């Protein structure tokens, strides 16, 4: 069974996961379903909607 994590933080290029600022990196999870992880990521994105450089990503653990 796959487990998912959500990684959030600020990025230099918000469309490129590799540009994540390690100082702002936060990990949530693990989640047993992708839907749970997606909901958490959506919540984090909406919470930080005013910060263009903030992103939350769903990844396999």
PDB file of N, CA and C in Angstrom:
ATOM      1  N   UNK A   1       0.843  -1.186   0.000  1.00  0.00           N
ATOM      2  CA  UNK A   1       0.000   0.000   0.000  1.00  0.00           C
ATOM      3  C   UNK A   1       0.886   1.247   0.000  1.00  0.00           C
ATOM      4  N   UNK A   2       0.576   2.174  -0.845  1.00  0.00           N
ATOM      5  CA  UNK A   2       1.355   3.408  -0.956  1.00  0.00           C
ATOM      6  C   UNK A   2       0.932   4.393   0.126  1.00  0.00           C
ATOM      7  N   UNK A   3       1.895   5.139   0.614  1.00  0.00           N
ATOM      8  CA  UNK A   3       1.610   6.226   1.538  1.00  0.00           C
ATOM      9  C   UNK A   3       2.084   7.520   0.892  1.00  0.00           C
ATOM     10  N   UNK A   4       1.380   8.596   1.201  1.00  0.00           N
ATOM     11  CA  UNK A   4       1.647   9.888   0.602  1.00  0.00           C
ATOM     12  C   UNK A   4       2.019  10.894   1.682  1.00  0.00           C
ATOM     13  N   UNK A   5       2.861  11.856   1.307  1.00  0.00           N
ATOM     14  CA  UNK A   5       3.198  12.971   2.180  1.00  0.00           C
ATOM     15  C   UNK A   5       2.929  14.264   1.422  1.00  0.00           C
ATOM     16  N   UNK A   6       2.743  15.334   2.175  1.00  0.00           N
ATOM     17  CA  UNK A   6       2.577  16.667   1.593  1.00  0.00           C
ATOM     18  C   UNK A   6       3.771  17.494   2.038  1.00  0.00           C
ATOM     19  N   UNK A   7       4.434  18.105   1.070  1.00  0.00           N
ATOM     20  CA  UNK A   7       5.590  18.964   1.340  1.00  0.00           C
ATOM     21  C   UNK A   7       5.211  20.378   0.930  1.00  0.00           C
ATOM     22  N   UNK A   8       5.355  21.318   1.860  1.00  0.00           N
ATOM     23  CA  UNK A   8       5.038  22.715   1.543  1.00  0.00           C
ATOM     24  C   UNK A   8       6.235  23.599   1.829  1.00  0.00           C
ATOM     25  N   UNK A   9       6.234  24.758   1.199  1.00  0.00           N
ATOM     26  CA  UNK A   9       7.282  25.736   1.440  1.00  0.00           C
ATOM     27  C   UNK A   9       7.326  26.779   0.348  1.00  0.00           C
ATOM     28  N   UNK A  10       8.267  27.701   0.480  1.00  0.00           N
ATOM     29  CA  UNK A  10       8.462  28.755  -0.514  1.00  0.00           C
ATOM     30  C   UNK A  10       9.465  28.286  -1.560  1.00  0.00           C
ATOM     31  N   UNK A  11       9.275  28.747  -2.780  1.00  0.00           N
ATOM     32  CA  UNK A  11      10.119  28.352  -3.912  1.00  0.00           C
ATOM     33  C   UNK A  11      10.635  29.583  -4.645  1.00  0.00           C
ATOM     34  N   UNK A  12      11.813  29.470  -5.239  1.00  0.00           N
ATOM     35  CA  UNK A  12      12.310  30.536  -6.116  1.00  0.00           C
ATOM     36  C   UNK A  12      11.525  30.531  -7.415  1.00  0.00           C
ATOM     37  N   UNK A  13      11.223  29.335  -7.937  1.00  0.00           N
ATOM     38  CA  UNK A  13      10.359  29.152  -9.101  1.00  0.00           C
ATOM     39  C   UNK A  13       9.188  28.286  -8.634  1.00  0.00           C
ATOM     40  N   UNK A  14       8.001  28.860  -8.453  1.00  0.00           N
ATOM     41  CA  UNK A  14       6.887  28.115  -7.871  1.00  0.00           C
ATOM     42  C   UNK A  14       6.406  26.923  -8.689  1.00  0.00           C
ATOM     43  N   UNK A  15       6.861  26.784  -9.922  1.00  0.00           N
ATOM     44  CA  UNK A  15       6.462  25.646 -10.740  1.00  0.00           C
ATOM     45  C   UNK A  15       7.507  24.536 -10.749  1.00  0.00           C
ATOM     46  N   UNK A  16       8.575  24.702  -9.984  1.00  0.00           N
ATOM     47  CA  UNK A  16       9.671  23.725  -9.968  1.00  0.00           C
ATOM     48  C   UNK A  16       9.932  23.281  -8.526  1.00  0.00           C
ATOM     49  N   UNK A  17       9.612  22.025  -8.230  1.00  0.00           N
ATOM     50  CA  UNK A  17       9.785  21.496  -6.869  1.00  0.00           C
ATOM     51  C   UNK A  17      11.232  21.597  -6.393  1.00  0.00           C
ATOM     52  N   UNK A  18      12.181  21.476  -7.297  1.00  0.00           N
ATOM     53  CA  UNK A  18      13.606  21.483  -6.935  1.00  0.00           C
ATOM     54  C   UNK A  18      14.071  22.822  -6.370  1.00  0.00           C
ATOM     55  N   UNK A  19      13.299  23.898  -6.554  1.00  0.00           N
ATOM     56  CA  UNK A  19      13.711  25.216  -6.058  1.00  0.00           C
ATOM     57  C   UNK A  19      13.163  25.511  -4.662  1.00  0.00           C
ATOM     58  N   UNK A  20      12.693  24.479  -3.970  1.00  0.00           N
ATOM     59  CA  UNK A  20      12.160  24.633  -2.615  1.00  0.00           C
ATOM     60  C   UNK A  20      13.226  25.161  -1.669  1.00  0.00           C
ATOM     61  N   UNK A  21      12.878  26.210  -0.922  1.00  0.00           N
ATOM     62  CA  UNK A  21      13.768  26.774   0.098  1.00  0.00           C
ATOM     63  C   UNK A  21      13.724  25.846   1.310  1.00  0.00           C
ATOM     64  N   UNK A  22      14.834  25.169   1.592  1.00  0.00           N
ATOM     65  CA  UNK A  22      14.893  24.176   2.672  1.00  0.00           C
ATOM     66  C   UNK A  22      14.545  24.768   4.033  1.00  0.00           C
ATOM     67  N   UNK A  23      14.739  26.063   4.214  1.00  0.00           N
ATOM     68  CA  UNK A  23      14.414  26.715   5.469  1.00  0.00           C
ATOM     69  C   UNK A  23      12.922  26.843   5.724  1.00  0.00           C
ATOM     70  N   UNK A  24      12.107  26.740   4.680  1.00  0.00           N
ATOM     71  CA  UNK A  24      10.662  26.867   4.830  1.00  0.00           C
ATOM     72  C   UNK A  24       9.943  25.532   4.630  1.00  0.00           C
ATOM     73  N   UNK A  25      10.696  24.468   4.401  1.00  0.00           N
ATOM     74  CA  UNK A  25      10.120  23.155   4.106  1.00  0.00           C
ATOM     75  C   UNK A  25       9.424  22.572   5.334  1.00  0.00           C
ATOM     76  N   UNK A  26       8.168  22.132   5.135  1.00  0.00           N
ATOM     77  CA  UNK A  26       7.392  21.448   6.165  1.00  0.00           C
ATOM     78  C   UNK A  26       6.768  20.215   5.535  1.00  0.00           C
ATOM     79  N   UNK A  27       6.824  19.088   6.256  1.00  0.00           N
ATOM     80  CA  UNK A  27       6.276  17.830   5.757  1.00  0.00           C
ATOM     81  C   UNK A  27       5.089  17.421   6.625  1.00  0.00           C
ATOM     82  N   UNK A  28       3.992  17.026   5.970  1.00  0.00           N
ATOM     83  CA  UNK A  28       2.797  16.545   6.647  1.00  0.00           C
ATOM     84  C   UNK A  28       2.536  15.109   6.213  1.00  0.00           C
ATOM     85  N   UNK A  29       2.073  14.288   7.126  1.00  0.00           N
ATOM     86  CA  UNK A  29       1.732  12.919   6.769  1.00  0.00           C
ATOM     87  C   UNK A  29       2.555  11.938   7.557  1.00  0.00           C
ATOM     88  N   UNK A  30       2.523  10.708   7.212  1.00  0.00           N
ATOM     89  CA  UNK A  30       2.006  10.114   5.969  1.00  0.00           C
ATOM     90  C   UNK A  30       0.485   9.958   5.976  1.00  0.00           C
ATOM     91  N   UNK A  31      -0.068   9.960   4.774  1.00  0.00           N
ATOM     92  CA  UNK A  31      -1.489   9.741   4.556  1.00  0.00           C
ATOM     93  C   UNK A  31      -1.656   8.419   3.822  1.00  0.00           C
ATOM     94  N   UNK A  32      -2.708   7.687   4.167  1.00  0.00           N
ATOM     95  CA  UNK A  32      -2.949   6.394   3.521  1.00  0.00           C
ATOM     96  C   UNK A  32      -3.590   6.528   2.151  1.00  0.00           C
ATOM     97  N   UNK A  33      -4.291   7.643   1.922  1.00  0.00           N
ATOM     98  CA  UNK A  33      -4.932   7.818   0.614  1.00  0.00           C
ATOM     99  C   UNK A  33      -4.457   9.114  -0.039  1.00  0.00           C
ATOM    100  N   UNK A  34      -4.443   9.072  -1.358  1.00  0.00           N
ATOM    101  CA  UNK A  34      -4.052  10.259  -2.116  1.00  0.00           C
ATOM    102  C   UNK A  34      -5.069  11.380  -1.907  1.00  0.00           C
ATOM    103  N   UNK A  35      -6.331  11.024  -1.729  1.00  0.00           N
ATOM    104  CA  UNK A  35      -7.377  12.026  -1.521  1.00  0.00           C
ATOM    105  C   UNK A  35      -7.140  12.833  -0.243  1.00  0.00           C
ATOM    106  N   UNK A  36      -6.737  12.158   0.834  1.00  0.00           N
ATOM    107  CA  UNK A  36      -6.424  12.860   2.083  1.00  0.00           C
ATOM    108  C   UNK A  36      -5.260  13.828   1.879  1.00  0.00           C
ATOM    109  N   UNK A  37      -4.227  13.360   1.195  1.00  0.00           N
ATOM    110  CA  UNK A  37      -3.057  14.196   0.935  1.00  0.00           C
ATOM    111  C   UNK A  37      -3.434  15.379   0.047  1.00  0.00           C
ATOM    112  N   UNK A  38      -4.249  15.128  -0.984  1.00  0.00           N
ATOM    113  CA  UNK A  38      -4.697  16.209  -1.871  1.00  0.00           C
ATOM    114  C   UNK A  38      -5.497  17.262  -1.109  1.00  0.00           C
ATOM    115  N   UNK A  39      -6.367  16.825  -0.225  1.00  0.00           N
ATOM    116  CA  UNK A  39      -7.165  17.772   0.565  1.00  0.00           C
ATOM    117  C   UNK A  39      -6.284  18.621   1.470  1.00  0.00           C
ATOM    118  N   UNK A  40      -5.272  18.011   2.076  1.00  0.00           N
ATOM    119  CA  UNK A  40      -4.346  18.759   2.917  1.00  0.00           C
ATOM    120  C   UNK A  40      -3.573  19.776   2.084  1.00  0.00           C
ATOM    121  N   UNK A  41      -3.090  19.356   0.918  1.00  0.00           N
ATOM    122  CA  UNK A  41      -2.344  20.260   0.034  1.00  0.00           C
ATOM    123  C   UNK A  41      -3.228  21.424  -0.409  1.00  0.00           C
ATOM    124  N   UNK A  42      -4.468  21.156  -0.775  1.00  0.00           N
ATOM    125  CA  UNK A  42      -5.395  22.221  -1.183  1.00  0.00           C
ATOM    126  C   UNK A  42      -5.614  23.215  -0.051  1.00  0.00           C
ATOM    127  N   UNK A  43      -5.784  22.696   1.158  1.00  0.00           N
ATOM    128  CA  UNK A  43      -5.985  23.566   2.319  1.00  0.00           C
ATOM    129  C   UNK A  43      -4.771  24.476   2.526  1.00  0.00           C
ATOM    130  N   UNK A  44      -3.567  23.919   2.430  1.00  0.00           N
ATOM    131  CA  UNK A  44      -2.348  24.706   2.629  1.00  0.00           C
ATOM    132  C   UNK A  44      -2.179  25.758   1.536  1.00  0.00           C
ATOM    133  N   UNK A  45      -2.519  25.401   0.313  1.00  0.00           N
ATOM    134  CA  UNK A  45      -2.415  26.348  -0.800  1.00  0.00           C
ATOM    135  C   UNK A  45      -3.412  27.499  -0.608  1.00  0.00           C
ATOM    136  N   UNK A  46      -4.644  27.164  -0.222  1.00  0.00           N
ATOM    137  CA  UNK A  46      -5.660  28.193  -0.006  1.00  0.00           C
ATOM    138  C   UNK A  46      -5.300  29.087   1.173  1.00  0.00           C
ATOM    139  N   UNK A  47      -4.703  28.498   2.205  1.00  0.00           N
ATOM    140  CA  UNK A  47      -4.300  29.258   3.387  1.00  0.00           C
ATOM    141  C   UNK A  47      -3.217  30.288   3.037  1.00  0.00           C
ATOM    142  N   UNK A  48      -2.382  29.980   2.057  1.00  0.00           N
ATOM    143  CA  UNK A  48      -1.271  30.843   1.668  1.00  0.00           C
ATOM    144  C   UNK A  48      -1.477  31.435   0.277  1.00  0.00           C
ATOM    145  N   UNK A  49      -2.720  31.684  -0.094  1.00  0.00           N
ATOM    146  CA  UNK A  49      -3.067  32.121  -1.449  1.00  0.00           C
ATOM    147  C   UNK A  49      -2.384  33.435  -1.844  1.00  0.00           C
ATOM    148  N   UNK A  50      -2.076  34.294  -0.897  1.00  0.00           N
ATOM    149  CA  UNK A  50      -1.462  35.585  -1.206  1.00  0.00           C
ATOM    150  C   UNK A  50       0.034  35.497  -1.465  1.00  0.00           C
ATOM    151  N   UNK A  51       0.645  34.362  -1.157  1.00  0.00           N
ATOM    152  CA  UNK A  51       2.084  34.184  -1.358  1.00  0.00           C
ATOM    153  C   UNK A  51       2.306  33.414  -2.656  1.00  0.00           C
ATOM    154  N   UNK A  52       2.678  34.122  -3.719  1.00  0.00           N
ATOM    155  CA  UNK A  52       2.873  33.515  -5.040  1.00  0.00           C
ATOM    156  C   UNK A  52       3.946  32.427  -5.015  1.00  0.00           C
ATOM    157  N   UNK A  53       4.929  32.533  -4.144  1.00  0.00           N
ATOM    158  CA  UNK A  53       6.057  31.611  -4.133  1.00  0.00           C
ATOM    159  C   UNK A  53       5.833  30.396  -3.236  1.00  0.00           C
ATOM    160  N   UNK A  54       4.678  30.311  -2.603  1.00  0.00           N
ATOM    161  CA  UNK A  54       4.363  29.173  -1.738  1.00  0.00           C
ATOM    162  C   UNK A  54       3.672  28.081  -2.547  1.00  0.00           C
ATOM    163  N   UNK A  55       4.077  26.831  -2.323  1.00  0.00           N
ATOM    164  CA  UNK A  55       3.429  25.692  -2.957  1.00  0.00           C
ATOM    165  C   UNK A  55       3.373  24.532  -1.975  1.00  0.00           C
ATOM    166  N   UNK A  56       2.422  23.642  -2.205  1.00  0.00           N
ATOM    167  CA  UNK A  56       2.324  22.390  -1.467  1.00  0.00           C
ATOM    168  C   UNK A  56       2.260  21.269  -2.511  1.00  0.00           C
ATOM    169  N   UNK A  57       3.050  20.232  -2.310  1.00  0.00           N
ATOM    170  CA  UNK A  57       3.188  19.141  -3.258  1.00  0.00           C
ATOM    171  C   UNK A  57       2.831  17.822  -2.586  1.00  0.00           C
ATOM    172  N   UNK A  58       2.133  16.947  -3.313  1.00  0.00           N
ATOM    173  CA  UNK A  58       1.846  15.599  -2.839  1.00  0.00           C
ATOM    174  C   UNK A  58       2.882  14.675  -3.458  1.00  0.00           C
ATOM    175  N   UNK A  59       3.539  13.890  -2.621  1.00  0.00           N
ATOM    176  CA  UNK A  59       4.583  12.961  -3.071  1.00  0.00           C
ATOM    177  C   UNK A  59       4.372  11.604  -2.417  1.00  0.00           C
ATOM    178  N   UNK A  60       4.847  10.550  -3.077  1.00  0.00           N
ATOM    179  CA  UNK A  60       4.873   9.237  -2.452  1.00  0.00           C
ATOM    180  C   UNK A  60       5.930   9.208  -1.373  1.00  0.00           C
ATOM    181  N   UNK A  61       5.621   8.545  -0.274  1.00  0.00           N
ATOM    182  CA  UNK A  61       6.580   8.448   0.819  1.00  0.00           C
ATOM    183  C   UNK A  61       7.657   7.445   0.465  1.00  0.00           C
TER     184      UNK A  61
END
